[in-house]
Amino acid sequence: DFVLLVPEHESLWAFTRSHGSETWLVTANLSEASLDLTDLAHLPDLTDADLLLSNLDSAGARPGMLRPWEVRILRIAA
């Protein structure tokens, strides 16, 4: 299954993909500014999410915050 989460957001591309008991969240910050995901009600709870892949070094990553041009793929609790 594919679910687009915040289609009206001007700089965030976010969706979930699900198959069986697995669900992945893909988030992409398409701007030059950091993006706080904690203010967005349409996103799933990221408390127990596992980071699977990111295009930036994880050393500067903060949970709930996407750096400029950052893309993350997370496994989330179903």
Protein backbone atom coordinates (compact mmCIF):
# COMPACT_ATOMS: atom_id res chain seq x y z
CA ASP A 1 0.00 0.00 0.00
CA PHE A 2 1.06 3.57 -0.67
CA VAL A 3 -0.29 6.52 1.34
CA LEU A 4 0.74 10.12 0.59
CA LEU A 5 0.71 11.89 3.96
CA VAL A 6 0.90 15.67 3.52
CA PRO A 7 0.25 16.49 -0.14
CA GLU A 8 -0.35 20.18 0.58
CA HIS A 9 3.02 20.78 2.29
CA GLU A 10 5.27 23.05 0.22
CA SER A 11 8.64 21.45 1.08
CA LEU A 12 7.95 18.01 2.57
CA TRP A 13 7.35 14.88 0.55
CA ALA A 14 6.20 12.13 2.91
CA PHE A 15 4.52 8.80 2.34
CA THR A 16 4.20 5.33 3.81
CA ARG A 17 4.62 2.01 2.04
CA SER A 18 3.18 -1.09 3.67
CA HIS A 19 3.36 -4.77 2.87
CA GLY A 20 2.15 -7.41 5.27
CA SER A 21 3.29 -6.45 8.77
CA GLU A 22 6.01 -4.03 7.56
CA THR A 23 5.50 -0.28 7.20
CA TRP A 24 8.12 2.18 5.99
CA LEU A 25 7.97 5.96 6.16
CA VAL A 26 9.79 7.99 3.53
CA THR A 27 10.39 11.68 4.27
CA ALA A 28 12.17 14.18 2.04
CA ASN A 29 12.90 17.80 2.88
CA LEU A 30 12.91 19.57 -0.47
CA SER A 31 14.17 22.92 0.81
CA GLU A 32 17.22 24.84 2.03
CA ALA A 33 15.84 25.11 5.58
CA SER A 34 15.60 22.53 8.37
CA LEU A 35 12.13 21.09 8.82
CA ASP A 36 10.54 20.20 12.17
CA LEU A 37 8.39 17.09 11.72
CA THR A 38 6.99 17.14 15.27
CA ASP A 39 4.48 19.85 14.31
CA LEU A 40 2.89 17.77 11.55
CA ALA A 41 -0.17 15.85 12.74
CA HIS A 42 -0.47 13.66 9.63
CA LEU A 43 2.81 11.83 10.22
CA PRO A 44 2.94 8.55 12.17
CA ASP A 45 4.54 8.32 15.60
CA LEU A 46 8.33 8.15 15.15
CA THR A 47 9.16 7.19 18.75
CA ASP A 48 10.18 3.60 17.98
CA ALA A 49 11.12 4.10 14.33
CA ASP A 50 14.27 2.48 12.96
CA LEU A 51 16.35 4.49 10.50
CA LEU A 52 17.05 2.30 7.47
CA LEU A 53 18.58 4.79 5.05
CA SER A 54 19.46 8.48 4.81
CA ASN A 55 21.25 10.53 2.19
CA LEU A 56 23.17 12.47 4.90
CA ASP A 57 25.56 11.38 7.64
CA SER A 58 23.66 10.24 10.73
CA ALA A 59 26.12 12.09 13.03
CA GLY A 60 24.20 15.36 12.64
CA ALA A 61 20.72 13.84 12.60
CA ARG A 62 18.12 14.78 15.20
CA PRO A 63 14.90 12.78 15.67
CA GLY A 64 11.90 14.67 14.38
CA MET A 65 14.02 17.13 12.40
CA LEU A 66 15.05 16.94 8.76
CA ARG A 67 18.10 18.88 7.64
CA PRO A 68 18.04 20.78 4.34
CA TRP A 69 17.69 18.37 1.39
CA GLU A 70 17.62 15.35 3.73
CA VAL A 71 15.78 12.16 2.85
CA ARG A 72 15.12 9.36 5.36
CA ILE A 73 13.54 5.94 5.14
CA LEU A 74 12.30 4.61 8.49
CA ARG A 75 10.68 1.35 9.57
CA ILE A 76 7.77 2.26 11.82
CA ALA A 77 5.58 0.30 14.19
CA ALA A 78 2.39 -0.89 12.52
